[in-house]
Amino acid sequence: MKNNDKVVIRAVALCFKPYLKPEEAMVYCNLGRTQLAKRCDEFGIYKNNSGYFKRADLDLMMCGSVSPIEEKLKQMKFDFAKKSRALK
C-alpha cells in the first residue's frame, strides 16, 4: 500500500469518527493549530476531558454560520438601541 493510499484512507476515516484528536481536527477543518484554537474559542468549542473535539461541534463551526458570540453581540446592540429609543 502506497503512502498516498494510507493518507486517503485515514482522511475518509476522519469523516466517520465522532471524536477527533487535535491533530485530526486540524486536518478535518483544514486549519492550522493557531487558527483552530482561535476559531474554537470564538465558537465556544472545547476539548472534552480526554482531549478530543466533538466532530458535530466542529461541523457547526465550519458550516459558515455566525459565531454565538457575534450573535449575542448583535442582540445586545439591538436591545440597547431599542431601549435608547424608548427613553427619548
PDB file of N, CA and C in Angstrom:
ATOM      1  N   MET A   1       0.845  -1.177   0.000  1.00  0.00           N
ATOM      2  CA  MET A   1       0.000   0.000   0.000  1.00  0.00           C
ATOM      3  C   MET A   1       0.889   1.239   0.000  1.00  0.00           C
ATOM      4  N   LYS A   2       0.600   2.146  -0.909  1.00  0.00           N
ATOM      5  CA  LYS A   2       1.387   3.370  -1.026  1.00  0.00           C
ATOM      6  C   LYS A   2       1.042   4.338   0.102  1.00  0.00           C
ATOM      7  N   ASN A   3       1.948   5.272   0.340  1.00  0.00           N
ATOM      8  CA  ASN A   3       1.741   6.276   1.384  1.00  0.00           C
ATOM      9  C   ASN A   3       0.517   7.132   1.081  1.00  0.00           C
ATOM     10  N   ASN A   4       0.324   7.488  -0.190  1.00  0.00           N
ATOM     11  CA  ASN A   4      -0.834   8.293  -0.583  1.00  0.00           C
ATOM     12  C   ASN A   4      -2.144   7.565  -0.296  1.00  0.00           C
ATOM     13  N   ASP A   5      -2.153   6.252  -0.516  1.00  0.00           N
ATOM     14  CA  ASP A   5      -3.344   5.457  -0.241  1.00  0.00           C
ATOM     15  C   ASP A   5      -3.668   5.471   1.251  1.00  0.00           C
ATOM     16  N   LYS A   6      -2.644   5.391   2.090  1.00  0.00           N
ATOM     17  CA  LYS A   6      -2.857   5.421   3.536  1.00  0.00           C
ATOM     18  C   LYS A   6      -3.426   6.765   3.971  1.00  0.00           C
ATOM     19  N   VAL A   7      -2.942   7.843   3.365  1.00  0.00           N
ATOM     20  CA  VAL A   7      -3.431   9.177   3.703  1.00  0.00           C
ATOM     21  C   VAL A   7      -4.907   9.312   3.329  1.00  0.00           C
ATOM     22  N   VAL A   8      -5.282   8.814   2.169  1.00  0.00           N
ATOM     23  CA  VAL A   8      -6.673   8.891   1.720  1.00  0.00           C
ATOM     24  C   VAL A   8      -7.571   8.072   2.642  1.00  0.00           C
ATOM     25  N   ILE A   9      -7.140   6.880   2.998  1.00  0.00           N
ATOM     26  CA  ILE A   9      -7.937   6.027   3.886  1.00  0.00           C
ATOM     27  C   ILE A   9      -8.111   6.691   5.245  1.00  0.00           C
ATOM     28  N   ARG A  10      -7.051   7.289   5.751  1.00  0.00           N
ATOM     29  CA  ARG A  10      -7.130   7.975   7.050  1.00  0.00           C
ATOM     30  C   ARG A  10      -8.060   9.185   6.971  1.00  0.00           C
ATOM     31  N   ALA A  11      -8.007   9.921   5.876  1.00  0.00           N
ATOM     32  CA  ALA A  11      -8.873  11.083   5.707  1.00  0.00           C
ATOM     33  C   ALA A  11     -10.344  10.677   5.656  1.00  0.00           C
ATOM     34  N   VAL A  12     -10.632   9.580   4.987  1.00  0.00           N
ATOM     35  CA  VAL A  12     -12.009   9.093   4.925  1.00  0.00           C
ATOM     36  C   VAL A  12     -12.460   8.619   6.302  1.00  0.00           C
ATOM     37  N   ALA A  13     -11.574   7.988   7.042  1.00  0.00           N
ATOM     38  CA  ALA A  13     -11.906   7.515   8.385  1.00  0.00           C
ATOM     39  C   ALA A  13     -12.230   8.678   9.321  1.00  0.00           C
ATOM     40  N   LEU A  14     -11.580   9.822   9.124  1.00  0.00           N
ATOM     41  CA  LEU A  14     -11.852  11.000   9.950  1.00  0.00           C
ATOM     42  C   LEU A  14     -13.300  11.443   9.835  1.00  0.00           C
ATOM     43  N   CYS A  15     -13.888  11.264   8.673  1.00  0.00           N
ATOM     44  CA  CYS A  15     -15.250  11.719   8.448  1.00  0.00           C
ATOM     45  C   CYS A  15     -16.280  10.910   9.235  1.00  0.00           C
ATOM     46  N   PHE A  16     -15.905   9.748   9.726  1.00  0.00           N
ATOM     47  CA  PHE A  16     -16.855   8.886  10.418  1.00  0.00           C
ATOM     48  C   PHE A  16     -16.597   8.778  11.917  1.00  0.00           C
ATOM     49  N   LYS A  17     -15.525   9.387  12.417  1.00  0.00           N
ATOM     50  CA  LYS A  17     -15.229   9.334  13.840  1.00  0.00           C
ATOM     51  C   LYS A  17     -16.025  10.404  14.574  1.00  0.00           C
ATOM     52  N   PRO A  18     -16.684  10.055  15.686  1.00  0.00           N
ATOM     53  CA  PRO A  18     -17.457  11.066  16.415  1.00  0.00           C
ATOM     54  C   PRO A  18     -16.587  12.041  17.211  1.00  0.00           C
ATOM     55  N   TYR A  19     -15.389  11.619  17.603  1.00  0.00           N
ATOM     56  CA  TYR A  19     -14.476  12.480  18.357  1.00  0.00           C
ATOM     57  C   TYR A  19     -13.124  12.490  17.657  1.00  0.00           C
ATOM     58  N   LEU A  20     -12.509  13.688  17.599  1.00  0.00           N
ATOM     59  CA  LEU A  20     -11.247  13.840  16.882  1.00  0.00           C
ATOM     60  C   LEU A  20     -10.163  14.378  17.805  1.00  0.00           C
ATOM     61  N   LYS A  21      -8.952  13.850  17.630  1.00  0.00           N
ATOM     62  CA  LYS A  21      -7.793  14.386  18.333  1.00  0.00           C
ATOM     63  C   LYS A  21      -7.511  15.778  17.769  1.00  0.00           C
ATOM     64  N   PRO A  22      -6.773  16.608  18.496  1.00  0.00           N
ATOM     65  CA  PRO A  22      -6.484  17.954  17.983  1.00  0.00           C
ATOM     66  C   PRO A  22      -5.813  17.947  16.602  1.00  0.00           C
ATOM     67  N   GLU A  23      -4.900  17.020  16.370  1.00  0.00           N
ATOM     68  CA  GLU A  23      -4.234  16.950  15.059  1.00  0.00           C
ATOM     69  C   GLU A  23      -5.231  16.551  13.976  1.00  0.00           C
ATOM     70  N   GLU A  24      -6.139  15.629  14.302  1.00  0.00           N
ATOM     71  CA  GLU A  24      -7.153  15.220  13.332  1.00  0.00           C
ATOM     72  C   GLU A  24      -8.140  16.352  13.076  1.00  0.00           C
ATOM     73  N   ALA A  25      -8.442  17.108  14.113  1.00  0.00           N
ATOM     74  CA  ALA A  25      -9.354  18.246  13.958  1.00  0.00           C
ATOM     75  C   ALA A  25      -8.748  19.301  13.035  1.00  0.00           C
ATOM     76  N   MET A  26      -7.434  19.499  13.131  1.00  0.00           N
ATOM     77  CA  MET A  26      -6.772  20.457  12.237  1.00  0.00           C
ATOM     78  C   MET A  26      -6.902  20.012  10.785  1.00  0.00           C
ATOM     79  N   VAL A  27      -6.741  18.716  10.529  1.00  0.00           N
ATOM     80  CA  VAL A  27      -6.875  18.193   9.168  1.00  0.00           C
ATOM     81  C   VAL A  27      -8.328  18.284   8.717  1.00  0.00           C
ATOM     82  N   TYR A  28      -9.239  17.891   9.592  1.00  0.00           N
ATOM     83  CA  TYR A  28     -10.670  17.876   9.268  1.00  0.00           C
ATOM     84  C   TYR A  28     -11.168  19.279   8.931  1.00  0.00           C
ATOM     85  N   CYS A  29     -10.715  20.287   9.681  1.00  0.00           N
ATOM     86  CA  CYS A  29     -11.162  21.666   9.473  1.00  0.00           C
ATOM     87  C   CYS A  29     -10.301  22.427   8.472  1.00  0.00           C
ATOM     88  N   ASN A  30      -9.188  21.839   8.081  1.00  0.00           N
ATOM     89  CA  ASN A  30      -8.239  22.472   7.174  1.00  0.00           C
ATOM     90  C   ASN A  30      -7.741  23.802   7.755  1.00  0.00           C
ATOM     91  N   LEU A  31      -7.398  23.769   9.048  1.00  0.00           N
ATOM     92  CA  LEU A  31      -6.872  24.948   9.734  1.00  0.00           C
ATOM     93  C   LEU A  31      -5.570  24.582  10.432  1.00  0.00           C
ATOM     94  N   GLY A  32      -4.732  25.572  10.639  1.00  0.00           N
ATOM     95  CA  GLY A  32      -3.516  25.373  11.415  1.00  0.00           C
ATOM     96  C   GLY A  32      -3.853  25.349  12.899  1.00  0.00           C
ATOM     97  N   ARG A  33      -2.867  25.042  13.719  1.00  0.00           N
ATOM     98  CA  ARG A  33      -3.095  24.916  15.164  1.00  0.00           C
ATOM     99  C   ARG A  33      -3.623  26.222  15.773  1.00  0.00           C
ATOM    100  N   THR A  34      -2.998  27.333  15.426  1.00  0.00           N
ATOM    101  CA  THR A  34      -3.403  28.622  15.986  1.00  0.00           C
ATOM    102  C   THR A  34      -4.784  29.024  15.489  1.00  0.00           C
ATOM    103  N   GLN A  35      -5.031  28.828  14.196  1.00  0.00           N
ATOM    104  CA  GLN A  35      -6.327  29.184  13.626  1.00  0.00           C
ATOM    105  C   GLN A  35      -7.441  28.341  14.237  1.00  0.00           C
ATOM    106  N   LEU A  36      -7.177  27.045  14.425  1.00  0.00           N
ATOM    107  CA  LEU A  36      -8.175  26.165  15.024  1.00  0.00           C
ATOM    108  C   LEU A  36      -8.481  26.597  16.453  1.00  0.00           C
ATOM    109  N   ALA A  37      -7.454  26.907  17.215  1.00  0.00           N
ATOM    110  CA  ALA A  37      -7.655  27.340  18.604  1.00  0.00           C
ATOM    111  C   ALA A  37      -8.463  28.627  18.659  1.00  0.00           C
ATOM    112  N   LYS A  38      -8.168  29.556  17.760  1.00  0.00           N
ATOM    113  CA  LYS A  38      -8.870  30.843  17.730  1.00  0.00           C
ATOM    114  C   LYS A  38     -10.339  30.663  17.355  1.00  0.00           C
ATOM    115  N   ARG A  39     -10.603  29.865  16.333  1.00  0.00           N
ATOM    116  CA  ARG A  39     -11.980  29.628  15.894  1.00  0.00           C
ATOM    117  C   ARG A  39     -12.774  28.862  16.941  1.00  0.00           C
ATOM    118  N   CYS A  40     -12.145  27.868  17.575  1.00  0.00           N
ATOM    119  CA  CYS A  40     -12.835  27.100  18.612  1.00  0.00           C
ATOM    120  C   CYS A  40     -13.180  27.995  19.796  1.00  0.00           C
ATOM    121  N   ASP A  41     -12.290  28.878  20.146  1.00  0.00           N
ATOM    122  CA  ASP A  41     -12.553  29.812  21.239  1.00  0.00           C
ATOM    123  C   ASP A  41     -13.697  30.749  20.867  1.00  0.00           C
ATOM    124  N   GLU A  42     -13.716  31.196  19.628  1.00  0.00           N
ATOM    125  CA  GLU A  42     -14.753  32.097  19.136  1.00  0.00           C
ATOM    126  C   GLU A  42     -16.133  31.431  19.174  1.00  0.00           C
ATOM    127  N   PHE A  43     -16.179  30.135  18.868  1.00  0.00           N
ATOM    128  CA  PHE A  43     -17.438  29.405  18.827  1.00  0.00           C
ATOM    129  C   PHE A  43     -17.755  28.693  20.137  1.00  0.00           C
ATOM    130  N   GLY A  44     -16.872  28.784  21.111  1.00  0.00           N
ATOM    131  CA  GLY A  44     -17.115  28.138  22.394  1.00  0.00           C
ATOM    132  C   GLY A  44     -16.991  26.625  22.338  1.00  0.00           C
ATOM    133  N   ILE A  45     -16.086  26.134  21.492  1.00  0.00           N
ATOM    134  CA  ILE A  45     -15.864  24.696  21.354  1.00  0.00           C
ATOM    135  C   ILE A  45     -14.606  24.344  22.128  1.00  0.00           C
ATOM    136  N   TYR A  46     -14.747  23.385  23.029  1.00  0.00           N
ATOM    137  CA  TYR A  46     -13.624  22.984  23.870  1.00  0.00           C
ATOM    138  C   TYR A  46     -13.417  21.480  23.793  1.00  0.00           C
ATOM    139  N   LYS A  47     -12.202  21.055  24.120  1.00  0.00           N
ATOM    140  CA  LYS A  47     -11.899  19.628  24.170  1.00  0.00           C
ATOM    141  C   LYS A  47     -12.579  19.020  25.394  1.00  0.00           C
ATOM    142  N   ASN A  48     -12.951  17.737  25.293  1.00  0.00           N
ATOM    143  CA  ASN A  48     -13.514  17.058  26.456  1.00  0.00           C
ATOM    144  C   ASN A  48     -12.384  16.639  27.399  1.00  0.00           C
ATOM    145  N   ASN A  49     -12.707  15.962  28.475  1.00  0.00           N
ATOM    146  CA  ASN A  49     -11.703  15.583  29.476  1.00  0.00           C
ATOM    147  C   ASN A  49     -10.612  14.673  28.910  1.00  0.00           C
ATOM    148  N   SER A  50     -10.936  13.949  27.852  1.00  0.00           N
ATOM    149  CA  SER A  50      -9.958  13.053  27.230  1.00  0.00           C
ATOM    150  C   SER A  50      -9.081  13.764  26.209  1.00  0.00           C
ATOM    151  N   GLY A  51      -9.367  15.034  25.921  1.00  0.00           N
ATOM    152  CA  GLY A  51      -8.558  15.793  24.979  1.00  0.00           C
ATOM    153  C   GLY A  51      -9.029  15.706  23.539  1.00  0.00           C
ATOM    154  N   TYR A  52     -10.295  15.336  23.329  1.00  0.00           N
ATOM    155  CA  TYR A  52     -10.832  15.183  21.986  1.00  0.00           C
ATOM    156  C   TYR A  52     -11.881  16.252  21.709  1.00  0.00           C
ATOM    157  N   PHE A  53     -11.986  16.649  20.424  1.00  0.00           N
ATOM    158  CA  PHE A  53     -13.039  17.556  19.984  1.00  0.00           C
ATOM    159  C   PHE A  53     -14.216  16.738  19.482  1.00  0.00           C
ATOM    160  N   LYS A  54     -15.422  17.226  19.707  1.00  0.00           N
ATOM    161  CA  LYS A  54     -16.617  16.566  19.190  1.00  0.00           C
ATOM    162  C   LYS A  54     -16.787  16.994  17.732  1.00  0.00           C
ATOM    163  N   ARG A  55     -16.890  16.029  16.832  1.00  0.00           N
ATOM    164  CA  ARG A  55     -16.958  16.334  15.406  1.00  0.00           C
ATOM    165  C   ARG A  55     -18.202  17.138  15.062  1.00  0.00           C
ATOM    166  N   ALA A  56     -19.318  16.885  15.746  1.00  0.00           N
ATOM    167  CA  ALA A  56     -20.551  17.632  15.477  1.00  0.00           C
ATOM    168  C   ALA A  56     -20.358  19.119  15.786  1.00  0.00           C
ATOM    169  N   ASP A  57     -19.609  19.439  16.844  1.00  0.00           N
ATOM    170  CA  ASP A  57     -19.327  20.835  17.169  1.00  0.00           C
ATOM    171  C   ASP A  57     -18.453  21.482  16.097  1.00  0.00           C
ATOM    172  N   LEU A  58     -17.483  20.722  15.593  1.00  0.00           N
ATOM    173  CA  LEU A  58     -16.619  21.248  14.531  1.00  0.00           C
ATOM    174  C   LEU A  58     -17.413  21.474  13.255  1.00  0.00           C
ATOM    175  N   ASP A  59     -18.396  20.604  12.991  1.00  0.00           N
ATOM    176  CA  ASP A  59     -19.248  20.790  11.818  1.00  0.00           C
ATOM    177  C   ASP A  59     -20.031  22.095  11.909  1.00  0.00           C
ATOM    178  N   LEU A  60     -20.541  22.402  13.104  1.00  0.00           N
ATOM    179  CA  LEU A  60     -21.273  23.660  13.286  1.00  0.00           C
ATOM    180  C   LEU A  60     -20.365  24.865  13.046  1.00  0.00           C
ATOM    181  N   MET A  61     -19.120  24.742  13.476  1.00  0.00           N
ATOM    182  CA  MET A  61     -18.165  25.828  13.289  1.00  0.00           C
ATOM    183  C   MET A  61     -17.862  26.028  11.799  1.00  0.00           C
ATOM    184  N   MET A  62     -17.779  24.930  11.057  1.00  0.00           N
ATOM    185  CA  MET A  62     -17.381  25.019   9.651  1.00  0.00           C
ATOM    186  C   MET A  62     -18.537  25.320   8.702  1.00  0.00           C
ATOM    187  N   CYS A  63     -19.778  25.309   9.186  1.00  0.00           N
ATOM    188  CA  CYS A  63     -20.914  25.488   8.280  1.00  0.00           C
ATOM    189  C   CYS A  63     -21.046  26.926   7.780  1.00  0.00           C
ATOM    190  N   GLY A  64     -20.289  27.846   8.360  1.00  0.00           N
ATOM    191  CA  GLY A  64     -20.302  29.219   7.876  1.00  0.00           C
ATOM    192  C   GLY A  64     -21.292  30.113   8.595  1.00  0.00           C
ATOM    193  N   SER A  65     -21.868  29.638   9.674  1.00  0.00           N
ATOM    194  CA  SER A  65     -22.813  30.466  10.412  1.00  0.00           C
ATOM    195  C   SER A  65     -22.071  31.479  11.282  1.00  0.00           C
ATOM    196  N   VAL A  66     -22.817  32.413  11.809  1.00  0.00           N
ATOM    197  CA  VAL A  66     -22.249  33.431  12.679  1.00  0.00           C
ATOM    198  C   VAL A  66     -21.951  32.792  14.028  1.00  0.00           C
ATOM    199  N   SER A  67     -20.845  33.177  14.626  1.00  0.00           N
ATOM    200  CA  SER A  67     -20.482  32.605  15.919  1.00  0.00           C
ATOM    201  C   SER A  67     -21.479  33.048  16.975  1.00  0.00           C
ATOM    202  N   PRO A  68     -21.680  32.237  18.008  1.00  0.00           N
ATOM    203  CA  PRO A  68     -22.620  32.608  19.072  1.00  0.00           C
ATOM    204  C   PRO A  68     -22.258  33.926  19.757  1.00  0.00           C
ATOM    205  N   ILE A  69     -20.979  34.233  19.843  1.00  0.00           N
ATOM    206  CA  ILE A  69     -20.542  35.485  20.464  1.00  0.00           C
ATOM    207  C   ILE A  69     -20.998  36.675  19.624  1.00  0.00           C
ATOM    208  N   GLU A  70     -20.799  36.602  18.308  1.00  0.00           N
ATOM    209  CA  GLU A  70     -21.230  37.676  17.421  1.00  0.00           C
ATOM    210  C   GLU A  70     -22.751  37.819  17.434  1.00  0.00           C
ATOM    211  N   GLU A  71     -23.448  36.683  17.482  1.00  0.00           N
ATOM    212  CA  GLU A  71     -24.899  36.689  17.513  1.00  0.00           C
ATOM    213  C   GLU A  71     -25.414  37.392  18.777  1.00  0.00           C
ATOM    214  N   LYS A  72     -24.810  37.064  19.913  1.00  0.00           N
ATOM    215  CA  LYS A  72     -25.199  37.681  21.186  1.00  0.00           C
ATOM    216  C   LYS A  72     -24.890  39.178  21.172  1.00  0.00           C
ATOM    217  N   LEU A  73     -23.755  39.568  20.589  1.00  0.00           N
ATOM    218  CA  LEU A  73     -23.389  40.977  20.497  1.00  0.00           C
ATOM    219  C   LEU A  73     -24.399  41.755  19.668  1.00  0.00           C
ATOM    220  N   LYS A  74     -24.831  41.197  18.539  1.00  0.00           N
ATOM    221  CA  LYS A  74     -25.838  41.857  17.708  1.00  0.00           C
ATOM    222  C   LYS A  74     -27.143  42.018  18.475  1.00  0.00           C
ATOM    223  N   GLN A  75     -27.530  40.988  19.232  1.00  0.00           N
ATOM    224  CA  GLN A  75     -28.754  41.055  20.017  1.00  0.00           C
ATOM    225  C   GLN A  75     -28.654  42.133  21.090  1.00  0.00           C
ATOM    226  N   MET A  76     -27.477  42.232  21.737  1.00  0.00           N
ATOM    227  CA  MET A  76     -27.278  43.250  22.758  1.00  0.00           C
ATOM    228  C   MET A  76     -27.343  44.647  22.154  1.00  0.00           C
ATOM    229  N   LYS A  77     -26.745  44.848  20.972  1.00  0.00           N
ATOM    230  CA  LYS A  77     -26.806  46.143  20.294  1.00  0.00           C
ATOM    231  C   LYS A  77     -28.238  46.506  19.949  1.00  0.00           C
ATOM    232  N   PHE A  78     -29.000  45.523  19.483  1.00  0.00           N
ATOM    233  CA  PHE A  78     -30.396  45.746  19.127  1.00  0.00           C
ATOM    234  C   PHE A  78     -31.197  46.137  20.361  1.00  0.00           C
ATOM    235  N   ASP A  79     -30.990  45.423  21.468  1.00  0.00           N
ATOM    236  CA  ASP A  79     -31.701  45.726  22.716  1.00  0.00           C
ATOM    237  C   ASP A  79     -31.339  47.116  23.232  1.00  0.00           C
ATOM    238  N   PHE A  80     -30.060  47.464  23.140  1.00  0.00           N
ATOM    239  CA  PHE A  80     -29.613  48.789  23.588  1.00  0.00           C
ATOM    240  C   PHE A  80     -30.253  49.894  22.755  1.00  0.00           C
ATOM    241  N   ALA A  81     -30.275  49.697  21.437  1.00  0.00           N
ATOM    242  CA  ALA A  81     -30.875  50.703  20.555  1.00  0.00           C
ATOM    243  C   ALA A  81     -32.376  50.834  20.839  1.00  0.00           C
ATOM    244  N   LYS A  82     -33.018  49.731  21.102  1.00  0.00           N
ATOM    245  CA  LYS A  82     -34.436  49.724  21.401  1.00  0.00           C
ATOM    246  C   LYS A  82     -34.728  50.482  22.704  1.00  0.00           C
ATOM    247  N   LYS A  83     -33.893  50.269  23.707  1.00  0.00           N
ATOM    248  CA  LYS A  83     -34.075  50.949  24.991  1.00  0.00           C
ATOM    249  C   LYS A  83     -33.795  52.447  24.869  1.00  0.00           C
ATOM    250  N   SER A  84     -32.772  52.785  24.101  1.00  0.00           N
ATOM    251  CA  SER A  84     -32.428  54.213  23.963  1.00  0.00           C
ATOM    252  C   SER A  84     -33.513  54.963  23.197  1.00  0.00           C
ATOM    253  N   ARG A  85     -34.175  54.312  22.242  1.00  0.00           N
ATOM    254  CA  ARG A  85     -35.291  54.944  21.520  1.00  0.00           C
ATOM    255  C   ARG A  85     -36.486  55.119  22.442  1.00  0.00           C
ATOM    256  N   ALA A  86     -36.679  54.173  23.355  1.00  0.00           N
ATOM    257  CA  ALA A  86     -37.803  54.258  24.284  1.00  0.00           C
ATOM    258  C   ALA A  86     -37.614  55.394  25.282  1.00  0.00           C
ATOM    259  N   LEU A  87     -36.370  55.721  25.612  1.00  0.00           N
ATOM    260  CA  LEU A  87     -36.101  56.789  26.568  1.00  0.00           C
ATOM    261  C   LEU A  87     -36.301  58.182  25.986  1.00  0.00           C
ATOM    262  N   LYS A  88     -36.251  58.320  24.669  1.00  0.00           N
ATOM    263  CA  LYS A  88     -36.359  59.627  24.016  1.00  0.00           C
ATOM    264  C   LYS A  88     -37.745  60.133  24.009  1.00  0.00           C
TER     265      LYS A  88
END
